[in-house]
N, C-alpha and C. Protein backbone atom coordinates (compact mmCIF):
# COMPACT_ATOMS: atom_id res chain seq x y z
N MET A 1 21.12 -4.75 27.68
CA MET A 1 20.49 -3.46 27.95
C MET A 1 20.46 -3.20 29.45
N ALA A 2 20.76 -1.97 29.84
CA ALA A 2 20.77 -1.63 31.25
C ALA A 2 19.37 -1.71 31.84
N GLU A 3 19.29 -2.14 33.09
CA GLU A 3 18.02 -2.21 33.79
C GLU A 3 17.74 -0.85 34.44
N MET A 4 16.54 -0.32 34.23
CA MET A 4 16.14 0.95 34.82
C MET A 4 15.38 0.69 36.11
N ILE A 5 15.83 1.32 37.20
CA ILE A 5 15.24 1.11 38.52
C ILE A 5 14.87 2.47 39.12
N LYS A 6 13.62 2.64 39.47
CA LYS A 6 13.15 3.89 40.05
C LYS A 6 13.54 3.98 41.52
N ILE A 7 14.19 5.09 41.89
CA ILE A 7 14.55 5.34 43.28
C ILE A 7 13.45 6.17 43.96
N ASN A 8 13.03 7.24 43.28
CA ASN A 8 11.88 8.03 43.71
C ASN A 8 11.30 8.70 42.46
N ASP A 9 10.32 9.57 42.64
CA ASP A 9 9.63 10.15 41.48
C ASP A 9 10.55 11.00 40.61
N LYS A 10 11.72 11.37 41.13
CA LYS A 10 12.62 12.27 40.40
C LYS A 10 13.99 11.64 40.12
N THR A 11 14.16 10.37 40.47
CA THR A 11 15.50 9.77 40.41
C THR A 11 15.42 8.32 39.96
N TRP A 12 16.29 7.95 39.03
CA TRP A 12 16.40 6.56 38.57
C TRP A 12 17.86 6.16 38.55
N ARG A 13 18.06 4.86 38.72
CA ARG A 13 19.40 4.31 38.50
C ARG A 13 19.32 3.30 37.36
N PHE A 14 20.41 3.18 36.62
CA PHE A 14 20.52 2.25 35.50
C PHE A 14 21.63 1.26 35.84
N GLU A 15 21.29 -0.01 35.91
CA GLU A 15 22.27 -1.05 36.22
C GLU A 15 22.77 -1.67 34.92
N ASP A 16 24.04 -1.44 34.63
CA ASP A 16 24.66 -1.85 33.36
C ASP A 16 25.78 -2.83 33.67
N ASP A 17 25.44 -4.11 33.82
CA ASP A 17 26.40 -5.13 34.26
C ASP A 17 26.99 -4.72 35.61
N SER A 18 28.28 -4.46 35.68
CA SER A 18 28.93 -4.19 36.96
C SER A 18 29.02 -2.70 37.28
N VAL A 19 28.42 -1.85 36.48
CA VAL A 19 28.49 -0.41 36.69
C VAL A 19 27.08 0.15 36.65
N ARG A 20 26.89 1.30 37.26
CA ARG A 20 25.58 1.96 37.20
C ARG A 20 25.75 3.45 36.90
N PHE A 21 24.65 4.05 36.45
CA PHE A 21 24.61 5.49 36.28
C PHE A 21 23.22 5.97 36.67
N PHE A 22 23.02 7.30 36.68
CA PHE A 22 21.82 7.84 37.29
C PHE A 22 21.15 8.89 36.42
N LEU A 23 19.85 9.04 36.61
CA LEU A 23 19.07 10.13 36.03
C LEU A 23 18.44 10.91 37.17
N LEU A 24 18.72 12.21 37.21
CA LEU A 24 18.21 13.10 38.23
C LEU A 24 17.32 14.14 37.56
N CYS A 25 16.09 14.28 38.00
CA CYS A 25 15.16 15.24 37.39
C CYS A 25 14.84 16.36 38.37
N GLY A 26 14.89 17.58 37.86
CA GLY A 26 14.41 18.73 38.61
C GLY A 26 13.07 19.16 38.05
N ASN A 27 12.74 20.43 38.25
CA ASN A 27 11.49 20.96 37.69
C ASN A 27 11.67 21.54 36.30
N GLU A 28 12.94 21.86 35.94
CA GLU A 28 13.19 22.54 34.67
C GLU A 28 14.02 21.71 33.70
N ARG A 29 14.90 20.86 34.20
CA ARG A 29 15.72 20.01 33.33
C ARG A 29 16.16 18.79 34.11
N ALA A 30 16.75 17.86 33.40
CA ALA A 30 17.20 16.61 33.99
C ALA A 30 18.68 16.39 33.68
N ALA A 31 19.34 15.58 34.50
CA ALA A 31 20.76 15.31 34.31
C ALA A 31 21.01 13.80 34.35
N LEU A 32 21.67 13.30 33.31
CA LEU A 32 22.29 11.98 33.38
C LEU A 32 23.64 12.13 34.07
N VAL A 33 23.94 11.26 34.99
CA VAL A 33 25.26 11.23 35.62
C VAL A 33 25.95 9.97 35.15
N ASP A 34 26.88 10.14 34.19
CA ASP A 34 27.57 9.06 33.48
C ASP A 34 26.64 8.37 32.48
N THR A 35 27.24 7.55 31.61
CA THR A 35 26.44 6.86 30.59
C THR A 35 26.81 5.39 30.45
N GLY A 36 27.45 4.82 31.47
CA GLY A 36 27.62 3.37 31.53
C GLY A 36 28.68 2.79 30.63
N MET A 37 28.69 1.46 30.58
CA MET A 37 29.72 0.69 29.88
C MET A 37 29.22 0.11 28.56
N ASN A 38 27.96 -0.31 28.53
CA ASN A 38 27.40 -0.96 27.34
C ASN A 38 26.08 -0.32 26.93
N THR A 39 25.99 1.00 27.09
CA THR A 39 24.71 1.68 26.85
C THR A 39 24.89 2.90 25.93
N PRO A 40 25.24 2.67 24.66
CA PRO A 40 25.31 3.80 23.74
C PRO A 40 23.97 4.51 23.59
N ASN A 41 22.89 3.85 23.99
CA ASN A 41 21.54 4.44 23.92
C ASN A 41 21.11 5.03 25.27
N ALA A 42 22.06 5.39 26.12
CA ALA A 42 21.73 5.92 27.45
C ALA A 42 20.82 7.14 27.36
N ARG A 43 21.08 8.02 26.41
CA ARG A 43 20.24 9.21 26.27
C ARG A 43 18.80 8.82 25.92
N GLU A 44 18.66 7.92 24.97
CA GLU A 44 17.34 7.46 24.56
C GLU A 44 16.58 6.84 25.74
N MET A 45 17.27 6.07 26.55
CA MET A 45 16.64 5.45 27.71
C MET A 45 16.15 6.51 28.69
N ALA A 46 16.99 7.52 28.92
CA ALA A 46 16.62 8.59 29.85
C ALA A 46 15.42 9.37 29.33
N GLU A 47 15.40 9.61 28.03
CA GLU A 47 14.32 10.42 27.46
C GLU A 47 12.99 9.68 27.41
N LYS A 48 13.01 8.38 27.66
CA LYS A 48 11.75 7.64 27.83
C LYS A 48 11.15 7.88 29.22
N LEU A 49 11.98 8.40 30.13
CA LEU A 49 11.53 8.61 31.50
C LEU A 49 11.18 10.06 31.79
N THR A 50 11.65 10.99 30.98
CA THR A 50 11.39 12.40 31.23
C THR A 50 11.31 13.17 29.92
N ASP A 51 10.46 14.19 29.91
CA ASP A 51 10.38 15.11 28.77
C ASP A 51 11.21 16.36 28.98
N LEU A 52 11.87 16.47 30.13
CA LEU A 52 12.66 17.65 30.43
C LEU A 52 13.91 17.70 29.56
N PRO A 53 14.41 18.92 29.26
CA PRO A 53 15.71 19.02 28.58
C PRO A 53 16.78 18.27 29.37
N LEU A 54 17.62 17.52 28.67
CA LEU A 54 18.55 16.60 29.31
C LEU A 54 19.99 17.06 29.16
N ILE A 55 20.72 17.12 30.28
CA ILE A 55 22.15 17.38 30.26
C ILE A 55 22.88 16.13 30.74
N LEU A 56 24.20 16.14 30.54
CA LEU A 56 25.05 15.03 30.98
C LEU A 56 26.17 15.56 31.85
N ILE A 57 26.40 14.89 32.97
CA ILE A 57 27.54 15.16 33.84
C ILE A 57 28.33 13.87 33.98
N ASN A 58 29.64 13.93 33.75
CA ASN A 58 30.49 12.75 33.93
C ASN A 58 31.29 12.86 35.21
N THR A 59 31.21 11.82 36.05
CA THR A 59 32.03 11.80 37.27
C THR A 59 33.50 11.62 36.94
N HIS A 60 33.79 10.90 35.86
CA HIS A 60 35.14 10.74 35.34
C HIS A 60 35.01 10.04 33.99
N ALA A 61 36.14 9.72 33.36
CA ALA A 61 36.10 9.32 31.94
C ALA A 61 36.64 7.93 31.67
N ASP A 62 36.67 7.05 32.66
CA ASP A 62 37.04 5.67 32.36
C ASP A 62 36.02 5.07 31.40
N PRO A 63 36.42 4.08 30.59
CA PRO A 63 35.55 3.59 29.51
C PRO A 63 34.19 3.07 29.97
N ASP A 64 34.10 2.57 31.19
CA ASP A 64 32.82 2.02 31.65
C ASP A 64 31.85 3.09 32.15
N HIS A 65 32.19 4.37 31.90
CA HIS A 65 31.31 5.46 32.34
C HIS A 65 30.91 6.39 31.19
N ILE A 66 31.34 6.10 29.97
CA ILE A 66 31.14 7.07 28.89
C ILE A 66 30.56 6.44 27.62
N SER A 67 29.98 5.25 27.72
CA SER A 67 29.58 4.55 26.49
C SER A 67 28.48 5.27 25.72
N GLY A 68 27.67 6.08 26.41
CA GLY A 68 26.60 6.80 25.74
C GLY A 68 26.88 8.27 25.52
N ASN A 69 28.11 8.70 25.77
CA ASN A 69 28.43 10.13 25.63
C ASN A 69 28.28 10.64 24.21
N GLY A 70 28.42 9.77 23.22
CA GLY A 70 28.37 10.19 21.83
C GLY A 70 27.06 10.81 21.41
N ALA A 71 26.00 10.60 22.19
CA ALA A 71 24.70 11.19 21.87
C ALA A 71 24.58 12.63 22.34
N PHE A 72 25.62 13.14 23.01
CA PHE A 72 25.61 14.51 23.53
C PHE A 72 26.70 15.33 22.83
N GLU A 73 26.34 16.49 22.32
CA GLU A 73 27.34 17.37 21.70
C GLU A 73 28.24 17.98 22.76
N GLU A 74 27.73 18.17 23.96
CA GLU A 74 28.51 18.75 25.05
C GLU A 74 28.03 18.17 26.37
N PHE A 75 28.88 18.26 27.37
CA PHE A 75 28.59 17.64 28.67
C PHE A 75 29.51 18.26 29.71
N TYR A 76 29.12 18.12 30.97
CA TYR A 76 29.89 18.67 32.08
C TYR A 76 30.92 17.64 32.55
N MET A 77 32.15 18.12 32.74
CA MET A 77 33.24 17.25 33.20
C MET A 77 34.36 18.15 33.73
N SER A 78 35.12 17.65 34.68
CA SER A 78 36.31 18.38 35.11
C SER A 78 37.30 18.50 33.95
N PRO A 79 37.86 19.68 33.70
CA PRO A 79 38.85 19.80 32.63
C PRO A 79 40.09 18.95 32.88
N ALA A 80 40.36 18.62 34.13
CA ALA A 80 41.50 17.75 34.44
C ALA A 80 41.30 16.34 33.93
N GLU A 81 40.07 16.01 33.53
CA GLU A 81 39.74 14.66 33.07
C GLU A 81 39.77 14.55 31.55
N GLU A 82 39.98 15.65 30.84
CA GLU A 82 39.82 15.61 29.39
C GLU A 82 40.86 14.72 28.71
N ASP A 83 42.10 14.71 29.18
CA ASP A 83 43.10 13.83 28.57
C ASP A 83 42.68 12.37 28.67
N ASN A 84 42.19 11.98 29.83
CA ASN A 84 41.71 10.61 30.02
C ASN A 84 40.54 10.33 29.08
N TYR A 85 39.65 11.29 28.96
CA TYR A 85 38.48 11.14 28.10
C TYR A 85 38.87 10.95 26.63
N ARG A 86 39.76 11.79 26.14
CA ARG A 86 40.20 11.68 24.74
C ARG A 86 41.00 10.40 24.52
N HIS A 87 41.80 10.01 25.51
CA HIS A 87 42.56 8.76 25.41
C HIS A 87 41.63 7.57 25.23
N ASN A 88 40.45 7.66 25.82
CA ASN A 88 39.47 6.58 25.72
C ASN A 88 38.49 6.78 24.57
N GLY A 89 38.83 7.66 23.63
CA GLY A 89 38.05 7.84 22.42
C GLY A 89 36.85 8.74 22.55
N GLY A 90 36.77 9.50 23.63
CA GLY A 90 35.62 10.35 23.87
C GLY A 90 35.51 11.50 22.90
N LYS A 91 34.29 11.79 22.45
CA LYS A 91 34.01 12.88 21.52
C LYS A 91 33.13 13.92 22.22
N GLY A 92 33.02 15.09 21.59
CA GLY A 92 32.15 16.13 22.09
C GLY A 92 32.90 17.20 22.87
N LYS A 93 32.17 18.22 23.26
CA LYS A 93 32.76 19.39 23.93
C LYS A 93 32.60 19.26 25.44
N VAL A 94 33.69 19.47 26.15
CA VAL A 94 33.68 19.46 27.60
C VAL A 94 33.28 20.84 28.12
N ILE A 95 32.21 20.90 28.91
CA ILE A 95 31.87 22.10 29.66
C ILE A 95 32.54 21.94 31.02
N PRO A 96 33.55 22.75 31.33
CA PRO A 96 34.33 22.50 32.55
C PRO A 96 33.55 22.80 33.82
N VAL A 97 33.70 21.94 34.81
CA VAL A 97 33.16 22.16 36.15
C VAL A 97 34.27 21.97 37.15
N LYS A 98 34.11 22.62 38.30
CA LYS A 98 35.14 22.56 39.33
C LYS A 98 34.49 22.64 40.71
N GLU A 99 35.30 22.42 41.71
CA GLU A 99 34.87 22.48 43.10
C GLU A 99 33.99 23.69 43.38
N GLY A 100 32.82 23.44 43.95
CA GLY A 100 31.93 24.52 44.35
C GLY A 100 30.93 24.95 43.30
N ASP A 101 31.10 24.51 42.06
CA ASP A 101 30.13 24.86 41.02
C ASP A 101 28.77 24.26 41.36
N LEU A 102 27.72 24.99 41.00
CA LEU A 102 26.35 24.54 41.23
C LEU A 102 25.64 24.38 39.89
N ILE A 103 24.99 23.25 39.71
CA ILE A 103 24.19 23.00 38.52
C ILE A 103 22.73 22.90 38.97
N ASP A 104 21.92 23.87 38.54
CA ASP A 104 20.54 23.97 38.99
C ASP A 104 19.62 23.28 37.99
N LEU A 105 18.91 22.26 38.44
CA LEU A 105 17.96 21.55 37.59
C LEU A 105 16.54 22.09 37.77
N GLY A 106 16.39 23.08 38.63
CA GLY A 106 15.06 23.59 38.97
C GLY A 106 14.57 22.93 40.24
N ASP A 107 14.74 23.64 41.37
CA ASP A 107 14.40 23.11 42.69
C ASP A 107 15.17 21.82 42.98
N ARG A 108 16.34 21.71 42.40
CA ARG A 108 17.24 20.59 42.69
C ARG A 108 18.64 21.01 42.26
N THR A 109 19.48 21.33 43.24
CA THR A 109 20.81 21.86 42.96
C THR A 109 21.86 20.79 43.21
N LEU A 110 22.77 20.66 42.25
CA LEU A 110 23.87 19.70 42.33
C LEU A 110 25.17 20.47 42.55
N ARG A 111 25.88 20.12 43.60
CA ARG A 111 27.15 20.78 43.93
C ARG A 111 28.31 19.88 43.52
N ILE A 112 29.27 20.45 42.82
CA ILE A 112 30.44 19.71 42.35
C ILE A 112 31.53 19.71 43.42
N ILE A 113 32.10 18.54 43.68
CA ILE A 113 33.21 18.38 44.62
C ILE A 113 34.36 17.70 43.90
N ASP A 114 35.52 18.34 43.88
CA ASP A 114 36.70 17.75 43.23
C ASP A 114 37.32 16.69 44.13
N ILE A 115 37.47 15.47 43.59
CA ILE A 115 38.09 14.38 44.35
C ILE A 115 39.08 13.61 43.46
N PRO A 116 40.13 14.27 42.95
CA PRO A 116 41.09 13.58 42.10
C PRO A 116 41.83 12.48 42.85
N GLY A 117 42.36 11.54 42.08
CA GLY A 117 43.13 10.43 42.66
C GLY A 117 42.84 9.14 41.92
N HIS A 118 41.58 8.73 41.93
CA HIS A 118 41.20 7.58 41.09
C HIS A 118 41.48 7.92 39.63
N THR A 119 41.11 9.12 39.22
CA THR A 119 41.54 9.73 37.96
C THR A 119 41.82 11.19 38.24
N PRO A 120 42.51 11.89 37.31
CA PRO A 120 42.90 13.28 37.60
C PRO A 120 41.73 14.23 37.80
N GLY A 121 40.60 13.94 37.15
CA GLY A 121 39.47 14.85 37.24
C GLY A 121 38.23 14.23 37.84
N SER A 122 38.39 13.24 38.68
CA SER A 122 37.22 12.64 39.33
C SER A 122 36.48 13.69 40.15
N ILE A 123 35.15 13.65 40.05
CA ILE A 123 34.32 14.53 40.87
C ILE A 123 33.26 13.70 41.59
N ALA A 124 32.78 14.24 42.69
CA ALA A 124 31.57 13.76 43.34
C ALA A 124 30.50 14.82 43.13
N ILE A 125 29.24 14.42 43.22
CA ILE A 125 28.12 15.33 43.03
C ILE A 125 27.24 15.25 44.26
N LEU A 126 27.07 16.39 44.93
CA LEU A 126 26.22 16.45 46.10
C LEU A 126 24.84 16.95 45.67
N ASP A 127 23.87 16.06 45.76
CA ASP A 127 22.48 16.37 45.46
C ASP A 127 21.87 16.96 46.73
N GLU A 128 21.88 18.30 46.80
CA GLU A 128 21.61 18.96 48.07
C GLU A 128 20.18 18.72 48.56
N LYS A 129 19.20 18.75 47.68
CA LYS A 129 17.80 18.59 48.10
C LYS A 129 17.55 17.20 48.67
N TYR A 130 18.08 16.18 48.00
CA TYR A 130 17.82 14.80 48.42
C TYR A 130 18.89 14.26 49.35
N ARG A 131 19.90 15.10 49.66
CA ARG A 131 20.96 14.75 50.61
C ARG A 131 21.64 13.43 50.23
N VAL A 132 22.04 13.37 48.96
CA VAL A 132 22.72 12.20 48.41
C VAL A 132 24.06 12.63 47.83
N LEU A 133 25.09 11.84 48.08
CA LEU A 133 26.39 12.04 47.44
C LEU A 133 26.56 10.98 46.36
N ILE A 134 26.69 11.42 45.11
CA ILE A 134 27.01 10.51 44.01
C ILE A 134 28.52 10.52 43.85
N SER A 135 29.14 9.38 44.09
CA SER A 135 30.58 9.35 44.37
C SER A 135 31.45 8.83 43.25
N GLY A 136 30.86 8.51 42.08
CA GLY A 136 31.69 7.92 41.03
C GLY A 136 32.30 6.61 41.49
N ASP A 137 33.58 6.41 41.19
CA ASP A 137 34.28 5.19 41.60
C ASP A 137 35.11 5.39 42.86
N SER A 138 35.24 6.62 43.33
CA SER A 138 36.20 6.92 44.40
C SER A 138 35.74 6.43 45.76
N VAL A 139 34.42 6.41 45.97
CA VAL A 139 33.85 5.93 47.24
C VAL A 139 32.90 4.79 46.91
N GLU A 140 33.29 3.59 47.28
CA GLU A 140 32.49 2.39 47.02
C GLU A 140 32.99 1.27 47.90
N ASP A 141 32.22 0.18 47.95
CA ASP A 141 32.67 -0.98 48.73
C ASP A 141 33.13 -2.13 47.82
N GLY A 142 33.33 -1.83 46.54
CA GLY A 142 33.93 -2.80 45.63
C GLY A 142 35.44 -2.63 45.60
N ASN A 143 36.05 -2.96 44.46
CA ASN A 143 37.49 -2.82 44.31
C ASN A 143 37.79 -1.57 43.50
N ILE A 144 38.51 -0.64 44.10
CA ILE A 144 38.80 0.66 43.49
C ILE A 144 40.09 0.55 42.68
N PHE A 145 40.01 0.89 41.40
CA PHE A 145 41.18 0.82 40.52
C PHE A 145 42.15 1.95 40.87
N MET A 146 43.37 1.57 41.25
CA MET A 146 44.43 2.53 41.53
C MET A 146 45.72 2.13 40.82
N PHE A 147 45.57 1.48 39.67
CA PHE A 147 46.75 1.15 38.86
C PHE A 147 46.56 1.77 37.48
N GLY A 148 47.68 2.02 36.81
CA GLY A 148 47.61 2.62 35.48
C GLY A 148 48.06 4.08 35.50
N PRO A 149 48.15 4.68 34.32
CA PRO A 149 48.81 5.99 34.19
C PRO A 149 48.07 7.15 34.82
N TYR A 150 46.79 7.04 35.09
CA TYR A 150 46.03 8.20 35.58
C TYR A 150 45.74 8.16 37.08
N ARG A 151 46.29 7.17 37.79
CA ARG A 151 45.94 7.00 39.20
C ARG A 151 47.02 7.62 40.10
N ASN A 152 46.58 8.14 41.24
CA ASN A 152 47.51 8.75 42.19
C ASN A 152 46.96 8.56 43.60
N ILE A 153 47.56 7.66 44.35
CA ILE A 153 47.01 7.32 45.66
C ILE A 153 47.19 8.45 46.66
N ASP A 154 48.25 9.26 46.52
CA ASP A 154 48.43 10.39 47.42
C ASP A 154 47.32 11.42 47.23
N LEU A 155 46.99 11.71 45.97
CA LEU A 155 45.88 12.61 45.69
C LEU A 155 44.56 12.02 46.18
N TYR A 156 44.43 10.72 46.04
CA TYR A 156 43.21 10.05 46.48
C TYR A 156 43.01 10.24 47.98
N ILE A 157 44.06 10.02 48.77
CA ILE A 157 43.96 10.19 50.22
C ILE A 157 43.57 11.63 50.56
N LYS A 158 44.22 12.58 49.89
CA LYS A 158 43.91 14.00 50.12
C LYS A 158 42.44 14.29 49.78
N SER A 159 41.96 13.71 48.69
CA SER A 159 40.58 13.95 48.27
C SER A 159 39.58 13.35 49.25
N MET A 160 39.87 12.18 49.76
CA MET A 160 38.95 11.57 50.73
C MET A 160 38.91 12.38 52.02
N LYS A 161 40.04 12.94 52.42
CA LYS A 161 40.04 13.80 53.60
C LYS A 161 39.23 15.07 53.32
N HIS A 162 39.34 15.59 52.11
CA HIS A 162 38.53 16.75 51.72
C HIS A 162 37.04 16.41 51.74
N LEU A 163 36.70 15.22 51.32
CA LEU A 163 35.30 14.81 51.31
C LEU A 163 34.72 14.78 52.72
N GLU A 164 35.56 14.54 53.70
CA GLU A 164 35.08 14.56 55.09
C GLU A 164 34.57 15.93 55.50
N ASP A 165 35.00 16.99 54.78
CA ASP A 165 34.48 18.33 55.07
C ASP A 165 32.98 18.41 54.82
N TYR A 166 32.43 17.47 54.05
CA TYR A 166 31.00 17.48 53.72
C TYR A 166 30.19 16.55 54.59
N ASP A 167 30.82 15.99 55.62
CA ASP A 167 30.08 15.14 56.56
C ASP A 167 28.87 15.91 57.10
N GLY A 168 27.75 15.23 57.20
CA GLY A 168 26.54 15.85 57.69
C GLY A 168 25.68 16.50 56.63
N GLN A 169 26.19 16.58 55.38
CA GLN A 169 25.43 17.20 54.30
C GLN A 169 24.74 16.17 53.41
N TYR A 170 24.95 14.89 53.69
CA TYR A 170 24.28 13.84 52.92
C TYR A 170 23.98 12.65 53.82
N ASP A 171 22.93 11.94 53.45
CA ASP A 171 22.49 10.78 54.22
C ASP A 171 22.75 9.46 53.51
N ASP A 172 22.99 9.53 52.18
CA ASP A 172 23.23 8.32 51.39
C ASP A 172 24.37 8.58 50.42
N VAL A 173 25.12 7.51 50.12
CA VAL A 173 26.17 7.55 49.10
C VAL A 173 25.77 6.60 47.99
N TYR A 174 25.66 7.14 46.77
CA TYR A 174 25.37 6.35 45.59
C TYR A 174 26.66 6.19 44.79
N ALA A 175 27.20 4.99 44.78
CA ALA A 175 28.43 4.69 44.05
C ALA A 175 28.10 4.06 42.70
N MET A 176 29.03 4.12 41.77
CA MET A 176 28.82 3.54 40.45
C MET A 176 29.13 2.05 40.40
N HIS A 177 29.74 1.51 41.44
CA HIS A 177 29.99 0.07 41.55
C HIS A 177 29.66 -0.36 42.98
N GLY A 178 29.49 -1.66 43.16
CA GLY A 178 29.29 -2.19 44.50
C GLY A 178 27.89 -1.93 45.02
N SER A 179 27.77 -1.83 46.33
CA SER A 179 26.47 -1.67 46.97
C SER A 179 25.90 -0.28 46.75
N ILE A 180 24.58 -0.20 46.84
CA ILE A 180 23.89 1.09 46.83
C ILE A 180 22.74 1.03 47.81
N PRO A 181 22.65 1.94 48.78
CA PRO A 181 23.68 2.95 49.08
C PRO A 181 24.86 2.32 49.81
N VAL A 182 25.97 3.06 49.83
CA VAL A 182 27.16 2.63 50.57
C VAL A 182 27.03 3.13 52.00
N LYS A 183 27.56 2.40 52.94
CA LYS A 183 27.51 2.82 54.34
C LYS A 183 28.23 4.16 54.53
N LEU A 184 27.66 5.01 55.36
CA LEU A 184 28.16 6.37 55.51
C LEU A 184 29.57 6.44 56.10
N ASP A 185 29.97 5.43 56.87
CA ASP A 185 31.29 5.50 57.51
C ASP A 185 32.43 5.06 56.60
N ILE A 186 32.14 4.83 55.32
CA ILE A 186 33.16 4.22 54.47
C ILE A 186 34.29 5.19 54.12
N VAL A 187 34.04 6.48 54.06
CA VAL A 187 35.09 7.42 53.65
C VAL A 187 36.28 7.33 54.59
N GLY A 188 36.02 7.37 55.89
CA GLY A 188 37.12 7.26 56.85
C GLY A 188 37.86 5.94 56.74
N LYS A 189 37.12 4.87 56.47
CA LYS A 189 37.76 3.57 56.31
C LYS A 189 38.63 3.53 55.06
N LEU A 190 38.17 4.14 53.97
CA LEU A 190 38.98 4.18 52.75
C LEU A 190 40.27 4.97 52.97
N ILE A 191 40.20 6.05 53.73
CA ILE A 191 41.42 6.80 54.06
C ILE A 191 42.38 5.91 54.82
N GLU A 192 41.88 5.21 55.82
CA GLU A 192 42.72 4.33 56.63
C GLU A 192 43.38 3.26 55.77
N GLY A 193 42.60 2.62 54.89
CA GLY A 193 43.16 1.57 54.05
C GLY A 193 44.19 2.10 53.07
N ALA A 194 43.89 3.21 52.42
CA ALA A 194 44.83 3.78 51.45
C ALA A 194 46.12 4.22 52.13
N GLU A 195 46.01 4.75 53.35
CA GLU A 195 47.22 5.16 54.07
C GLU A 195 48.05 3.95 54.48
N GLN A 196 47.40 2.84 54.84
CA GLN A 196 48.15 1.63 55.15
C GLN A 196 48.92 1.14 53.92
N ILE A 197 48.28 1.18 52.76
CA ILE A 197 48.96 0.78 51.53
C ILE A 197 50.14 1.71 51.27
N ARG A 198 49.92 3.00 51.42
CA ARG A 198 50.97 4.00 51.15
C ARG A 198 52.17 3.80 52.06
N ARG A 199 51.90 3.40 53.30
CA ARG A 199 53.00 3.19 54.26
C ARG A 199 53.63 1.81 54.13
N GLY A 200 53.10 0.97 53.28
CA GLY A 200 53.63 -0.38 53.11
C GLY A 200 53.22 -1.34 54.21
N GLU A 201 52.12 -1.03 54.89
CA GLU A 201 51.69 -1.85 56.02
C GLU A 201 50.59 -2.85 55.66
N ALA A 202 50.05 -2.76 54.45
CA ALA A 202 48.96 -3.65 54.04
C ALA A 202 49.51 -4.85 53.27
N THR A 203 48.84 -5.97 53.40
CA THR A 203 49.24 -7.18 52.68
C THR A 203 48.30 -7.39 51.51
N GLY A 204 48.87 -7.54 50.31
CA GLY A 204 48.06 -7.73 49.11
C GLY A 204 48.33 -9.05 48.44
N THR A 205 47.50 -9.35 47.45
CA THR A 205 47.62 -10.56 46.66
C THR A 205 47.80 -10.18 45.20
N GLU A 206 48.82 -10.74 44.55
CA GLU A 206 49.06 -10.41 43.15
C GLU A 206 48.08 -11.20 42.28
N ILE A 207 47.39 -10.50 41.39
CA ILE A 207 46.43 -11.11 40.48
C ILE A 207 46.63 -10.54 39.08
N ASN A 208 46.04 -11.20 38.09
CA ASN A 208 46.04 -10.66 36.74
C ASN A 208 44.64 -10.17 36.42
N LEU A 209 44.53 -8.92 36.03
CA LEU A 209 43.24 -8.30 35.75
C LEU A 209 43.30 -7.65 34.37
N PHE A 210 42.50 -8.17 33.45
CA PHE A 210 42.47 -7.63 32.08
C PHE A 210 43.87 -7.56 31.46
N GLY A 211 44.70 -8.56 31.77
CA GLY A 211 46.05 -8.60 31.21
C GLY A 211 47.07 -7.79 31.98
N ASN A 212 46.66 -7.21 33.11
CA ASN A 212 47.58 -6.42 33.94
C ASN A 212 47.89 -7.17 35.22
N ASP A 213 49.17 -7.22 35.57
CA ASP A 213 49.56 -7.77 36.86
C ASP A 213 49.40 -6.68 37.91
N VAL A 214 48.49 -6.90 38.86
CA VAL A 214 48.19 -5.89 39.88
C VAL A 214 48.16 -6.56 41.24
N ILE A 215 48.17 -5.74 42.27
CA ILE A 215 48.05 -6.24 43.64
C ILE A 215 46.70 -5.81 44.20
N LEU A 216 45.95 -6.78 44.68
CA LEU A 216 44.67 -6.50 45.31
C LEU A 216 44.86 -6.45 46.83
N TYR A 217 44.60 -5.28 47.38
CA TYR A 217 44.59 -5.11 48.83
C TYR A 217 43.13 -5.16 49.26
N LYS A 218 42.72 -6.25 49.89
CA LYS A 218 41.32 -6.46 50.23
C LYS A 218 41.10 -6.21 51.71
N PHE A 219 40.25 -5.23 51.99
CA PHE A 219 39.87 -4.91 53.36
C PHE A 219 38.42 -5.35 53.57
N PRO A 220 37.94 -5.41 54.81
CA PRO A 220 36.55 -5.85 55.04
C PRO A 220 35.52 -4.93 54.37
N TYR A 221 35.86 -3.70 54.13
CA TYR A 221 34.91 -2.71 53.63
C TYR A 221 35.07 -2.41 52.15
N ALA A 222 36.20 -2.71 51.54
CA ALA A 222 36.47 -2.41 50.12
C ALA A 222 37.83 -2.97 49.75
N GLY A 223 38.18 -2.86 48.47
CA GLY A 223 39.49 -3.28 48.02
C GLY A 223 40.14 -2.19 47.17
N PHE A 224 41.46 -2.26 47.06
CA PHE A 224 42.21 -1.37 46.18
C PHE A 224 43.05 -2.23 45.23
N LEU A 225 42.96 -1.95 43.97
CA LEU A 225 43.79 -2.62 42.96
C LEU A 225 44.92 -1.69 42.58
N CYS A 226 46.13 -2.06 42.93
CA CYS A 226 47.29 -1.18 42.80
C CYS A 226 48.35 -1.79 41.89
N GLU A 227 49.32 -0.98 41.52
CA GLU A 227 50.41 -1.44 40.67
C GLU A 227 51.16 -2.57 41.35
N ALA A 228 51.50 -3.60 40.56
CA ALA A 228 52.37 -4.67 41.07
C ALA A 228 53.79 -4.14 41.14
N LYS A 229 54.49 -4.50 42.20
CA LYS A 229 55.86 -4.00 42.39
C LYS A 229 56.86 -4.96 41.79
């Protein structure tokens, strides 16, 4: 069972083995951001913490982020992510969101930022009132998956450069893996590392991960798991 940890009176994080997800409460409704890897009861857990009407927003649709989605008839997600979601057995109706969309929880507005690359429809969520960026898997100090059919490192680099447009609008980065919060200077470092990989200048180590032969490019600030050549 995921561990529930209070961040403040309106925010909780759920630690589900190696992944986490969040509950954000406004004055009128609350939002789950992702539903974890081993938490089909994610909705039930959230509803023990708030009586507000509950919505779900998915940062992306990899299997370790959607285990509790089945409790929701509909949820917010980038339409570019739906193929990945259905491929992973996801059910329910996608309410499409895109760059610049605002989701108002009541005195707490969440701004959607498109950051494709890790997956086609990865998004970040800017919690404007609390000045927090919820970054999904794209910004973290763990190992970022960039192998498999839905990954695109060129799009990833472009998205991280786009994310720099939001510098100064948040004070903390909440990632779904690795440390929380993540250091604020990590976005620029991730761009630098991904560009080194793209140019063939980085040295990696071939490993087997879940039956896949991949190359781990490990930097002091994070790692990238890429296709083996």
